[in-house]
Amino acid sequence: MKKFVPMFAACAVTLMIYACSSAPAPNKKLEGNWKSKDGSTKLSITDKDFIMDDGQASKEDYFVKNDTIYTSYQGSRPYTKFSIKELTDTKLTLCYPDSDIVEFSR
């Protein structure tokens, strides 16, 4: 029984550290209103929503992991992946799931 006390304590400390850690900070460069170079697509990214309007607006939840934006409609799976090729204050280049590359500006 004495062997389990240190293991239990280590597990408890690890779980407490994980629970108290903060979530990664959102990417403020990504958030905002964007429009494609040709003007046919508008993209609005908030802290919680990914809204793409290319004739019919679709509002989806999203999260960012490394250089990829994962979107889903109301948390459903599978996720749609958009790769970020370039991101500056005024320019966003996305690679769509079908490998089309679209440039956006503010």
PDB file of N, CA and C in Angstrom:
ATOM      1  N   MET A   1       0.817  -1.195   0.000  1.00  0.00           N
ATOM      2  CA  MET A   1       0.000   0.000   0.000  1.00  0.00           C
ATOM      3  C   MET A   1       0.861   1.259   0.000  1.00  0.00           C
ATOM      4  N   LYS A   2       2.023   1.196   0.675  1.00  0.00           N
ATOM      5  CA  LYS A   2       2.894   2.365   0.750  1.00  0.00           C
ATOM      6  C   LYS A   2       3.494   2.700  -0.613  1.00  0.00           C
ATOM      7  N   LYS A   3       3.542   1.735  -1.539  1.00  0.00           N
ATOM      8  CA  LYS A   3       4.079   1.976  -2.872  1.00  0.00           C
ATOM      9  C   LYS A   3       3.134   2.839  -3.706  1.00  0.00           C
ATOM     10  N   PHE A   4       1.855   2.777  -3.423  1.00  0.00           N
ATOM     11  CA  PHE A   4       0.866   3.493  -4.215  1.00  0.00           C
ATOM     12  C   PHE A   4       0.732   4.959  -3.821  1.00  0.00           C
ATOM     13  N   VAL A   5       1.094   5.327  -2.616  1.00  0.00           N
ATOM     14  CA  VAL A   5       0.951   6.714  -2.153  1.00  0.00           C
ATOM     15  C   VAL A   5       1.796   7.666  -2.993  1.00  0.00           C
ATOM     16  N   PRO A   6       3.081   7.417  -3.238  1.00  0.00           N
ATOM     17  CA  PRO A   6       3.853   8.344  -4.085  1.00  0.00           C
ATOM     18  C   PRO A   6       3.331   8.397  -5.525  1.00  0.00           C
ATOM     19  N   MET A   7       2.899   7.276  -6.072  1.00  0.00           N
ATOM     20  CA  MET A   7       2.350   7.275  -7.433  1.00  0.00           C
ATOM     21  C   MET A   7       1.054   8.074  -7.479  1.00  0.00           C
ATOM     22  N   PHE A   8       0.213   7.917  -6.479  1.00  0.00           N
ATOM     23  CA  PHE A   8      -1.044   8.662  -6.420  1.00  0.00           C
ATOM     24  C   PHE A   8      -0.764  10.159  -6.312  1.00  0.00           C
ATOM     25  N   ALA A   9       0.198  10.535  -5.460  1.00  0.00           N
ATOM     26  CA  ALA A   9       0.550  11.946  -5.281  1.00  0.00           C
ATOM     27  C   ALA A   9       1.088  12.531  -6.587  1.00  0.00           C
ATOM     28  N   ALA A  10       1.935  11.787  -7.293  1.00  0.00           N
ATOM     29  CA  ALA A  10       2.485  12.268  -8.562  1.00  0.00           C
ATOM     30  C   ALA A  10       1.380  12.464  -9.598  1.00  0.00           C
ATOM     31  N   CYS A  11       0.457  11.529  -9.644  1.00  0.00           N
ATOM     32  CA  CYS A  11      -0.667  11.653 -10.585  1.00  0.00           C
ATOM     33  C   CYS A  11      -1.540  12.851 -10.235  1.00  0.00           C
ATOM     34  N   ALA A  12      -1.792  13.059  -8.951  1.00  0.00           N
ATOM     35  CA  ALA A  12      -2.622  14.184  -8.513  1.00  0.00           C
ATOM     36  C   ALA A  12      -1.964  15.518  -8.865  1.00  0.00           C
ATOM     37  N   VAL A  13      -0.670  15.635  -8.648  1.00  0.00           N
ATOM     38  CA  VAL A  13       0.043  16.872  -8.973  1.00  0.00           C
ATOM     39  C   VAL A  13       0.026  17.111 -10.477  1.00  0.00           C
ATOM     40  N   THR A  14       0.239  16.077 -11.267  1.00  0.00           N
ATOM     41  CA  THR A  14       0.225  16.210 -12.722  1.00  0.00           C
ATOM     42  C   THR A  14      -1.142  16.671 -13.214  1.00  0.00           C
ATOM     43  N   LEU A  15      -2.187  16.090 -12.700  1.00  0.00           N
ATOM     44  CA  LEU A  15      -3.543  16.493 -13.095  1.00  0.00           C
ATOM     45  C   LEU A  15      -3.843  17.927 -12.667  1.00  0.00           C
ATOM     46  N   MET A  16      -3.375  18.337 -11.512  1.00  0.00           N
ATOM     47  CA  MET A  16      -3.617  19.693 -11.042  1.00  0.00           C
ATOM     48  C   MET A  16      -2.887  20.706 -11.917  1.00  0.00           C
ATOM     49  N   ILE A  17      -1.659  20.408 -12.301  1.00  0.00           N
ATOM     50  CA  ILE A  17      -0.906  21.310 -13.177  1.00  0.00           C
ATOM     51  C   ILE A  17      -1.595  21.419 -14.537  1.00  0.00           C
ATOM     52  N   TYR A  18      -2.047  20.309 -15.074  1.00  0.00           N
ATOM     53  CA  TYR A  18      -2.740  20.315 -16.369  1.00  0.00           C
ATOM     54  C   TYR A  18      -4.041  21.110 -16.285  1.00  0.00           C
ATOM     55  N   ALA A  19      -4.792  20.945 -15.203  1.00  0.00           N
ATOM     56  CA  ALA A  19      -6.078  21.645 -15.050  1.00  0.00           C
ATOM     57  C   ALA A  19      -5.884  23.143 -14.885  1.00  0.00           C
ATOM     58  N   CYS A  20      -4.797  23.552 -14.274  1.00  0.00           N
ATOM     59  CA  CYS A  20      -4.561  24.969 -14.021  1.00  0.00           C
ATOM     60  C   CYS A  20      -3.872  25.687 -15.183  1.00  0.00           C
ATOM     61  N   SER A  21      -3.380  24.947 -16.139  1.00  0.00           N
ATOM     62  CA  SER A  21      -2.708  25.595 -17.263  1.00  0.00           C
ATOM     63  C   SER A  21      -3.730  26.323 -18.124  1.00  0.00           C
ATOM     64  N   SER A  22      -3.301  27.415 -18.719  1.00  0.00           N
ATOM     65  CA  SER A  22      -4.226  28.208 -19.529  1.00  0.00           C
ATOM     66  C   SER A  22      -4.245  27.699 -20.962  1.00  0.00           C
ATOM     67  N   ALA A  23      -5.336  27.999 -21.643  1.00  0.00           N
ATOM     68  CA  ALA A  23      -5.470  27.624 -23.049  1.00  0.00           C
ATOM     69  C   ALA A  23      -4.544  28.500 -23.884  1.00  0.00           C
ATOM     70  N   PRO A  24      -4.130  28.035 -25.064  1.00  0.00           N
ATOM     71  CA  PRO A  24      -3.266  28.859 -25.896  1.00  0.00           C
ATOM     72  C   PRO A  24      -3.962  30.148 -26.299  1.00  0.00           C
ATOM     73  N   ALA A  25      -3.214  31.208 -26.387  1.00  0.00           N
ATOM     74  CA  ALA A  25      -3.775  32.509 -26.743  1.00  0.00           C
ATOM     75  C   ALA A  25      -4.236  32.489 -28.194  1.00  0.00           C
ATOM     76  N   PRO A  26      -5.374  33.114 -28.483  1.00  0.00           N
ATOM     77  CA  PRO A  26      -5.849  33.146 -29.868  1.00  0.00           C
ATOM     78  C   PRO A  26      -4.922  33.992 -30.733  1.00  0.00           C
ATOM     79  N   ASN A  27      -4.888  33.686 -32.005  1.00  0.00           N
ATOM     80  CA  ASN A  27      -4.041  34.401 -32.941  1.00  0.00           C
ATOM     81  C   ASN A  27      -4.785  35.650 -33.400  1.00  0.00           C
ATOM     82  N   LYS A  28      -4.393  36.796 -32.875  1.00  0.00           N
ATOM     83  CA  LYS A  28      -5.083  38.049 -33.185  1.00  0.00           C
ATOM     84  C   LYS A  28      -4.856  38.497 -34.624  1.00  0.00           C
ATOM     85  N   LYS A  29      -3.759  38.058 -35.248  1.00  0.00           N
ATOM     86  CA  LYS A  29      -3.538  38.395 -36.655  1.00  0.00           C
ATOM     87  C   LYS A  29      -4.596  37.753 -37.543  1.00  0.00           C
ATOM     88  N   LEU A  30      -5.073  36.581 -37.142  1.00  0.00           N
ATOM     89  CA  LEU A  30      -6.024  35.829 -37.953  1.00  0.00           C
ATOM     90  C   LEU A  30      -7.424  36.409 -37.877  1.00  0.00           C
ATOM     91  N   GLU A  31      -7.786  36.950 -36.718  1.00  0.00           N
ATOM     92  CA  GLU A  31      -9.140  37.457 -36.520  1.00  0.00           C
ATOM     93  C   GLU A  31      -9.369  38.743 -37.306  1.00  0.00           C
ATOM     94  N   GLY A  32     -10.576  38.866 -37.850  1.00  0.00           N
ATOM     95  CA  GLY A  32     -10.946  40.065 -38.587  1.00  0.00           C
ATOM     96  C   GLY A  32     -11.745  39.730 -39.828  1.00  0.00           C
ATOM     97  N   ASN A  33     -11.977  40.742 -40.644  1.00  0.00           N
ATOM     98  CA  ASN A  33     -12.714  40.583 -41.897  1.00  0.00           C
ATOM     99  C   ASN A  33     -11.733  40.572 -43.053  1.00  0.00           C
ATOM    100  N   TRP A  34     -11.865  39.563 -43.900  1.00  0.00           N
ATOM    101  CA  TRP A  34     -10.983  39.368 -45.043  1.00  0.00           C
ATOM    102  C   TRP A  34     -11.823  39.275 -46.310  1.00  0.00           C
ATOM    103  N   LYS A  35     -11.247  39.648 -47.438  1.00  0.00           N
ATOM    104  CA  LYS A  35     -11.910  39.428 -48.726  1.00  0.00           C
ATOM    105  C   LYS A  35     -10.873  38.905 -49.705  1.00  0.00           C
ATOM    106  N   SER A  36     -11.326  38.030 -50.588  1.00  0.00           N
ATOM    107  CA  SER A  36     -10.407  37.420 -51.547  1.00  0.00           C
ATOM    108  C   SER A  36      -9.936  38.456 -52.558  1.00  0.00           C
ATOM    109  N   LYS A  37      -8.852  38.128 -53.216  1.00  0.00           N
ATOM    110  CA  LYS A  37      -8.248  39.044 -54.188  1.00  0.00           C
ATOM    111  C   LYS A  37      -9.231  39.421 -55.288  1.00  0.00           C
ATOM    112  N   ASP A  38     -10.018  38.435 -55.754  1.00  0.00           N
ATOM    113  CA  ASP A  38     -10.990  38.708 -56.813  1.00  0.00           C
ATOM    114  C   ASP A  38     -12.308  39.261 -56.279  1.00  0.00           C
ATOM    115  N   GLY A  39     -12.479  39.329 -54.965  1.00  0.00           N
ATOM    116  CA  GLY A  39     -13.672  39.912 -54.349  1.00  0.00           C
ATOM    117  C   GLY A  39     -14.872  38.989 -54.287  1.00  0.00           C
ATOM    118  N   SER A  40     -14.737  37.743 -54.703  1.00  0.00           N
ATOM    119  CA  SER A  40     -15.889  36.843 -54.729  1.00  0.00           C
ATOM    120  C   SER A  40     -16.158  36.170 -53.386  1.00  0.00           C
ATOM    121  N   THR A  41     -15.174  36.137 -52.512  1.00  0.00           N
ATOM    122  CA  THR A  41     -15.337  35.460 -51.230  1.00  0.00           C
ATOM    123  C   THR A  41     -14.976  36.405 -50.096  1.00  0.00           C
ATOM    124  N   LYS A  42     -15.859  36.462 -49.097  1.00  0.00           N
ATOM    125  CA  LYS A  42     -15.595  37.233 -47.888  1.00  0.00           C
ATOM    126  C   LYS A  42     -15.422  36.254 -46.742  1.00  0.00           C
ATOM    127  N   LEU A  43     -14.480  36.548 -45.874  1.00  0.00           N
ATOM    128  CA  LEU A  43     -14.170  35.676 -44.752  1.00  0.00           C
ATOM    129  C   LEU A  43     -14.123  36.524 -43.496  1.00  0.00           C
ATOM    130  N   SER A  44     -14.879  36.108 -42.487  1.00  0.00           N
ATOM    131  CA  SER A  44     -14.877  36.791 -41.212  1.00  0.00           C
ATOM    132  C   SER A  44     -14.477  35.783 -40.139  1.00  0.00           C
ATOM    133  N   ILE A  45     -13.427  36.096 -39.400  1.00  0.00           N
ATOM    134  CA  ILE A  45     -12.935  35.200 -38.364  1.00  0.00           C
ATOM    135  C   ILE A  45     -12.985  35.933 -37.027  1.00  0.00           C
ATOM    136  N   THR A  46     -13.754  35.393 -36.091  1.00  0.00           N
ATOM    137  CA  THR A  46     -13.813  35.934 -34.743  1.00  0.00           C
ATOM    138  C   THR A  46     -13.086  34.977 -33.818  1.00  0.00           C
ATOM    139  N   ASP A  47     -13.181  35.224 -32.523  1.00  0.00           N
ATOM    140  CA  ASP A  47     -12.506  34.318 -31.594  1.00  0.00           C
ATOM    141  C   ASP A  47     -13.173  32.954 -31.541  1.00  0.00           C
ATOM    142  N   LYS A  48     -14.428  32.829 -31.998  1.00  0.00           N
ATOM    143  CA  LYS A  48     -15.132  31.546 -31.946  1.00  0.00           C
ATOM    144  C   LYS A  48     -15.666  31.065 -33.293  1.00  0.00           C
ATOM    145  N   ASP A  49     -15.883  31.976 -34.233  1.00  0.00           N
ATOM    146  CA  ASP A  49     -16.560  31.616 -35.479  1.00  0.00           C
ATOM    147  C   ASP A  49     -15.696  31.862 -36.709  1.00  0.00           C
ATOM    148  N   PHE A  50     -15.884  31.000 -37.699  1.00  0.00           N
ATOM    149  CA  PHE A  50     -15.242  31.067 -39.005  1.00  0.00           C
ATOM    150  C   PHE A  50     -16.390  31.201 -40.000  1.00  0.00           C
ATOM    151  N   ILE A  51     -16.589  32.408 -40.532  1.00  0.00           N
ATOM    152  CA  ILE A  51     -17.738  32.670 -41.401  1.00  0.00           C
ATOM    153  C   ILE A  51     -17.233  32.966 -42.808  1.00  0.00           C
ATOM    154  N   MET A  52     -17.553  32.064 -43.737  1.00  0.00           N
ATOM    155  CA  MET A  52     -17.145  32.231 -45.125  1.00  0.00           C
ATOM    156  C   MET A  52     -18.384  32.513 -45.958  1.00  0.00           C
ATOM    157  N   ASP A  53     -18.324  33.593 -46.734  1.00  0.00           N
ATOM    158  CA  ASP A  53     -19.453  33.976 -47.576  1.00  0.00           C
ATOM    159  C   ASP A  53     -18.983  34.007 -49.028  1.00  0.00           C
ATOM    160  N   ASP A  54     -19.298  32.942 -49.754  1.00  0.00           N
ATOM    161  CA  ASP A  54     -18.994  32.887 -51.186  1.00  0.00           C
ATOM    162  C   ASP A  54     -20.291  32.692 -51.964  1.00  0.00           C
ATOM    163  N   GLY A  55     -21.274  33.523 -51.633  1.00  0.00           N
ATOM    164  CA  GLY A  55     -22.593  33.407 -52.245  1.00  0.00           C
ATOM    165  C   GLY A  55     -23.612  32.934 -51.213  1.00  0.00           C
ATOM    166  N   GLN A  56     -23.220  32.009 -50.371  1.00  0.00           N
ATOM    167  CA  GLN A  56     -24.076  31.512 -49.299  1.00  0.00           C
ATOM    168  C   GLN A  56     -23.213  31.446 -48.034  1.00  0.00           C
ATOM    169  N   ALA A  57     -23.526  32.283 -47.047  1.00  0.00           N
ATOM    170  CA  ALA A  57     -22.710  32.365 -45.834  1.00  0.00           C
ATOM    171  C   ALA A  57     -22.839  31.093 -45.002  1.00  0.00           C
ATOM    172  N   SER A  58     -21.720  30.623 -44.491  1.00  0.00           N
ATOM    173  CA  SER A  58     -21.732  29.468 -43.608  1.00  0.00           C
ATOM    174  C   SER A  58     -20.910  29.800 -42.364  1.00  0.00           C
ATOM    175  N   LYS A  59     -21.539  29.658 -41.208  1.00  0.00           N
ATOM    176  CA  LYS A  59     -20.901  29.962 -39.931  1.00  0.00           C
ATOM    177  C   LYS A  59     -20.498  28.652 -39.273  1.00  0.00           C
ATOM    178  N   GLU A  60     -19.209  28.510 -38.959  1.00  0.00           N
ATOM    179  CA  GLU A  60     -18.709  27.273 -38.388  1.00  0.00           C
ATOM    180  C   GLU A  60     -17.814  27.568 -37.192  1.00  0.00           C
ATOM    181  N   ASP A  61     -17.721  26.604 -36.289  1.00  0.00           N
ATOM    182  CA  ASP A  61     -16.762  26.670 -35.191  1.00  0.00           C
ATOM    183  C   ASP A  61     -15.388  26.328 -35.764  1.00  0.00           C
ATOM    184  N   TYR A  62     -14.338  26.807 -35.103  1.00  0.00           N
ATOM    185  CA  TYR A  62     -13.000  26.483 -35.598  1.00  0.00           C
ATOM    186  C   TYR A  62     -11.995  26.471 -34.460  1.00  0.00           C
ATOM    187  N   PHE A  63     -10.870  25.833 -34.720  1.00  0.00           N
ATOM    188  CA  PHE A  63      -9.702  25.955 -33.859  1.00  0.00           C
ATOM    189  C   PHE A  63      -8.467  25.871 -34.739  1.00  0.00           C
ATOM    190  N   VAL A  64      -7.367  26.410 -34.248  1.00  0.00           N
ATOM    191  CA  VAL A  64      -6.124  26.452 -35.015  1.00  0.00           C
ATOM    192  C   VAL A  64      -5.101  25.574 -34.317  1.00  0.00           C
ATOM    193  N   LYS A  65      -4.466  24.727 -35.090  1.00  0.00           N
ATOM    194  CA  LYS A  65      -3.389  23.889 -34.576  1.00  0.00           C
ATOM    195  C   LYS A  65      -2.232  23.982 -35.557  1.00  0.00           C
ATOM    196  N   ASN A  66      -1.098  24.477 -35.068  1.00  0.00           N
ATOM    197  CA  ASN A  66       0.073  24.745 -35.899  1.00  0.00           C
ATOM    198  C   ASN A  66      -0.316  25.711 -37.012  1.00  0.00           C
ATOM    199  N   ASP A  67      -0.186  25.335 -38.267  1.00  0.00           N
ATOM    200  CA  ASP A  67      -0.533  26.209 -39.391  1.00  0.00           C
ATOM    201  C   ASP A  67      -1.791  25.736 -40.106  1.00  0.00           C
ATOM    202  N   THR A  68      -2.710  25.135 -39.374  1.00  0.00           N
ATOM    203  CA  THR A  68      -3.932  24.612 -39.978  1.00  0.00           C
ATOM    204  C   THR A  68      -5.149  25.075 -39.194  1.00  0.00           C
ATOM    205  N   ILE A  69      -6.172  25.517 -39.936  1.00  0.00           N
ATOM    206  CA  ILE A  69      -7.456  25.884 -39.336  1.00  0.00           C
ATOM    207  C   ILE A  69      -8.398  24.703 -39.531  1.00  0.00           C
ATOM    208  N   TYR A  70      -8.966  24.206 -38.451  1.00  0.00           N
ATOM    209  CA  TYR A  70      -9.932  23.110 -38.509  1.00  0.00           C
ATOM    210  C   TYR A  70     -11.311  23.684 -38.228  1.00  0.00           C
ATOM    211  N   THR A  71     -12.242  23.519 -39.163  1.00  0.00           N
ATOM    212  CA  THR A  71     -13.593  24.033 -38.979  1.00  0.00           C
ATOM    213  C   THR A  71     -14.574  22.871 -38.904  1.00  0.00           C
ATOM    214  N   SER A  72     -15.665  23.106 -38.202  1.00  0.00           N
ATOM    215  CA  SER A  72     -16.734  22.112 -38.141  1.00  0.00           C
ATOM    216  C   SER A  72     -18.043  22.829 -37.890  1.00  0.00           C
ATOM    217  N   TYR A  73     -19.117  22.273 -38.403  1.00  0.00           N
ATOM    218  CA  TYR A  73     -20.443  22.846 -38.204  1.00  0.00           C
ATOM    219  C   TYR A  73     -21.007  22.298 -36.897  1.00  0.00           C
ATOM    220  N   GLN A  74     -21.131  23.162 -35.900  1.00  0.00           N
ATOM    221  CA  GLN A  74     -21.673  22.825 -34.583  1.00  0.00           C
ATOM    222  C   GLN A  74     -20.980  21.611 -33.964  1.00  0.00           C
ATOM    223  N   GLY A  75     -19.678  21.542 -34.105  1.00  0.00           N
ATOM    224  CA  GLY A  75     -18.899  20.502 -33.457  1.00  0.00           C
ATOM    225  C   GLY A  75     -18.936  19.135 -34.117  1.00  0.00           C
ATOM    226  N   SER A  76     -19.565  19.030 -35.280  1.00  0.00           N
ATOM    227  CA  SER A  76     -19.635  17.717 -35.940  1.00  0.00           C
ATOM    228  C   SER A  76     -18.293  17.379 -36.580  1.00  0.00           C
ATOM    229  N   ARG A  77     -18.057  16.132 -36.774  1.00  0.00           N
ATOM    230  CA  ARG A  77     -16.815  15.662 -37.392  1.00  0.00           C
ATOM    231  C   ARG A  77     -17.126  15.017 -38.713  1.00  0.00           C
ATOM    232  N   PRO A  78     -16.276  14.857 -39.629  1.00  0.00           N
ATOM    233  CA  PRO A  78     -14.865  15.225 -39.646  1.00  0.00           C
ATOM    234  C   PRO A  78     -14.695  16.721 -39.862  1.00  0.00           C
ATOM    235  N   TYR A  79     -13.545  17.217 -39.481  1.00  0.00           N
ATOM    236  CA  TYR A  79     -13.235  18.624 -39.619  1.00  0.00           C
ATOM    237  C   TYR A  79     -12.808  18.943 -41.042  1.00  0.00           C
ATOM    238  N   THR A  80     -13.065  20.183 -41.446  1.00  0.00           N
ATOM    239  CA  THR A  80     -12.566  20.688 -42.721  1.00  0.00           C
ATOM    240  C   THR A  80     -11.261  21.416 -42.425  1.00  0.00           C
ATOM    241  N   LYS A  81     -10.220  21.127 -43.192  1.00  0.00           N
ATOM    242  CA  LYS A  81      -8.895  21.690 -42.929  1.00  0.00           C
ATOM    243  C   LYS A  81      -8.547  22.756 -43.958  1.00  0.00           C
ATOM    244  N   PHE A  82      -8.096  23.892 -43.459  1.00  0.00           N
ATOM    245  CA  PHE A  82      -7.568  24.978 -44.284  1.00  0.00           C
ATOM    246  C   PHE A  82      -6.139  25.231 -43.819  1.00  0.00           C
ATOM    247  N   SER A  83      -5.163  25.073 -44.704  1.00  0.00           N
ATOM    248  CA  SER A  83      -3.765  25.309 -44.352  1.00  0.00           C
ATOM    249  C   SER A  83      -3.428  26.775 -44.551  1.00  0.00           C
ATOM    250  N   ILE A  84      -2.766  27.359 -43.562  1.00  0.00           N
ATOM    251  CA  ILE A  84      -2.324  28.741 -43.657  1.00  0.00           C
ATOM    252  C   ILE A  84      -0.948  28.748 -44.321  1.00  0.00           C
ATOM    253  N   LYS A  85      -0.881  29.316 -45.516  1.00  0.00           N
ATOM    254  CA  LYS A  85       0.390  29.398 -46.232  1.00  0.00           C
ATOM    255  C   LYS A  85       1.150  30.666 -45.865  1.00  0.00           C
ATOM    256  N   GLU A  86       0.412  31.770 -45.669  1.00  0.00           N
ATOM    257  CA  GLU A  86       1.034  33.040 -45.309  1.00  0.00           C
ATOM    258  C   GLU A  86       0.046  33.841 -44.475  1.00  0.00           C
ATOM    259  N   LEU A  87       0.545  34.456 -43.402  1.00  0.00           N
ATOM    260  CA  LEU A  87      -0.303  35.275 -42.542  1.00  0.00           C
ATOM    261  C   LEU A  87       0.481  36.488 -42.079  1.00  0.00           C
ATOM    262  N   THR A  88       0.034  37.662 -42.514  1.00  0.00           N
ATOM    263  CA  THR A  88       0.588  38.922 -42.036  1.00  0.00           C
ATOM    264  C   THR A  88      -0.579  39.766 -41.547  1.00  0.00           C
ATOM    265  N   ASP A  89      -0.308  41.012 -41.181  1.00  0.00           N
ATOM    266  CA  ASP A  89      -1.386  41.877 -40.706  1.00  0.00           C
ATOM    267  C   ASP A  89      -2.405  42.195 -41.796  1.00  0.00           C
ATOM    268  N   THR A  90      -1.976  42.202 -43.052  1.00  0.00           N
ATOM    269  CA  THR A  90      -2.867  42.593 -44.147  1.00  0.00           C
ATOM    270  C   THR A  90      -3.110  41.509 -45.181  1.00  0.00           C
ATOM    271  N   LYS A  91      -2.434  40.367 -45.063  1.00  0.00           N
ATOM    272  CA  LYS A  91      -2.554  39.321 -46.085  1.00  0.00           C
ATOM    273  C   LYS A  91      -2.700  37.950 -45.443  1.00  0.00           C
ATOM    274  N   LEU A  92      -3.612  37.161 -45.980  1.00  0.00           N
ATOM    275  CA  LEU A  92      -3.836  35.786 -45.541  1.00  0.00           C
ATOM    276  C   LEU A  92      -3.934  34.916 -46.780  1.00  0.00           C
ATOM    277  N   THR A  93      -3.115  33.883 -46.851  1.00  0.00           N
ATOM    278  CA  THR A  93      -3.163  32.940 -47.963  1.00  0.00           C
ATOM    279  C   THR A  93      -3.536  31.578 -47.402  1.00  0.00           C
ATOM    280  N   LEU A  94      -4.672  31.049 -47.870  1.00  0.00           N
ATOM    281  CA  LEU A  94      -5.177  29.761 -47.405  1.00  0.00           C
ATOM    282  C   LEU A  94      -5.140  28.731 -48.519  1.00  0.00           C
ATOM    283  N   CYS A  95      -4.817  27.507 -48.142  1.00  0.00           N
ATOM    284  CA  CYS A  95      -4.921  26.376 -49.048  1.00  0.00           C
ATOM    285  C   CYS A  95      -6.184  25.623 -48.648  1.00  0.00           C
ATOM    286  N   TYR A  96      -7.174  25.618 -49.529  1.00  0.00           N
ATOM    287  CA  TYR A  96      -8.445  24.967 -49.253  1.00  0.00           C
ATOM    288  C   TYR A  96      -8.280  23.441 -49.238  1.00  0.00           C
ATOM    289  N   PRO A  97      -9.282  22.716 -48.722  1.00  0.00           N
ATOM    290  CA  PRO A  97      -9.196  21.247 -48.696  1.00  0.00           C
ATOM    291  C   PRO A  97      -9.014  20.616 -50.076  1.00  0.00           C
ATOM    292  N   ASP A  98      -9.499  21.275 -51.120  1.00  0.00           N
ATOM    293  CA  ASP A  98      -9.341  20.729 -52.475  1.00  0.00           C
ATOM    294  C   ASP A  98      -8.080  21.252 -53.160  1.00  0.00           C
ATOM    295  N   SER A  99      -7.127  21.753 -52.373  1.00  0.00           N
ATOM    296  CA  SER A  99      -5.807  22.229 -52.809  1.00  0.00           C
ATOM    297  C   SER A  99      -5.837  23.538 -53.583  1.00  0.00           C
ATOM    298  N   ASP A 100      -6.962  24.235 -53.630  1.00  0.00           N
ATOM    299  CA  ASP A 100      -7.001  25.572 -54.222  1.00  0.00           C
ATOM    300  C   ASP A 100      -6.356  26.541 -53.245  1.00  0.00           C
ATOM    301  N   ILE A 101      -5.573  27.467 -53.761  1.00  0.00           N
ATOM    302  CA  ILE A 101      -4.936  28.482 -52.931  1.00  0.00           C
ATOM    303  C   ILE A 101      -5.641  29.801 -53.187  1.00  0.00           C
ATOM    304  N   VAL A 102      -6.121  30.424 -52.095  1.00  0.00           N
ATOM    305  CA  VAL A 102      -6.859  31.680 -52.185  1.00  0.00           C
ATOM    306  C   VAL A 102      -6.165  32.712 -51.323  1.00  0.00           C
ATOM    307  N   GLU A 103      -5.934  33.891 -51.887  1.00  0.00           N
ATOM    308  CA  GLU A 103      -5.304  34.997 -51.175  1.00  0.00           C
ATOM    309  C   GLU A 103      -6.384  35.953 -50.697  1.00  0.00           C
ATOM    310  N   PHE A 104      -6.303  36.326 -49.429  1.00  0.00           N
ATOM    311  CA  PHE A 104      -7.241  37.281 -48.831  1.00  0.00           C
ATOM    312  C   PHE A 104      -6.482  38.503 -48.367  1.00  0.00           C
ATOM    313  N   SER A 105      -7.181  39.640 -48.329  1.00  0.00           N
ATOM    314  CA  SER A 105      -6.610  40.867 -47.780  1.00  0.00           C
ATOM    315  C   SER A 105      -7.671  41.535 -46.912  1.00  0.00           C
ATOM    316  N   ARG A 106      -7.239  42.447 -46.089  1.00  0.00           N
ATOM    317  CA  ARG A 106      -8.172  43.161 -45.199  1.00  0.00           C
ATOM    318  C   ARG A 106      -8.779  44.329 -45.902  1.00  0.00           C
TER     319      ARG A 106
END
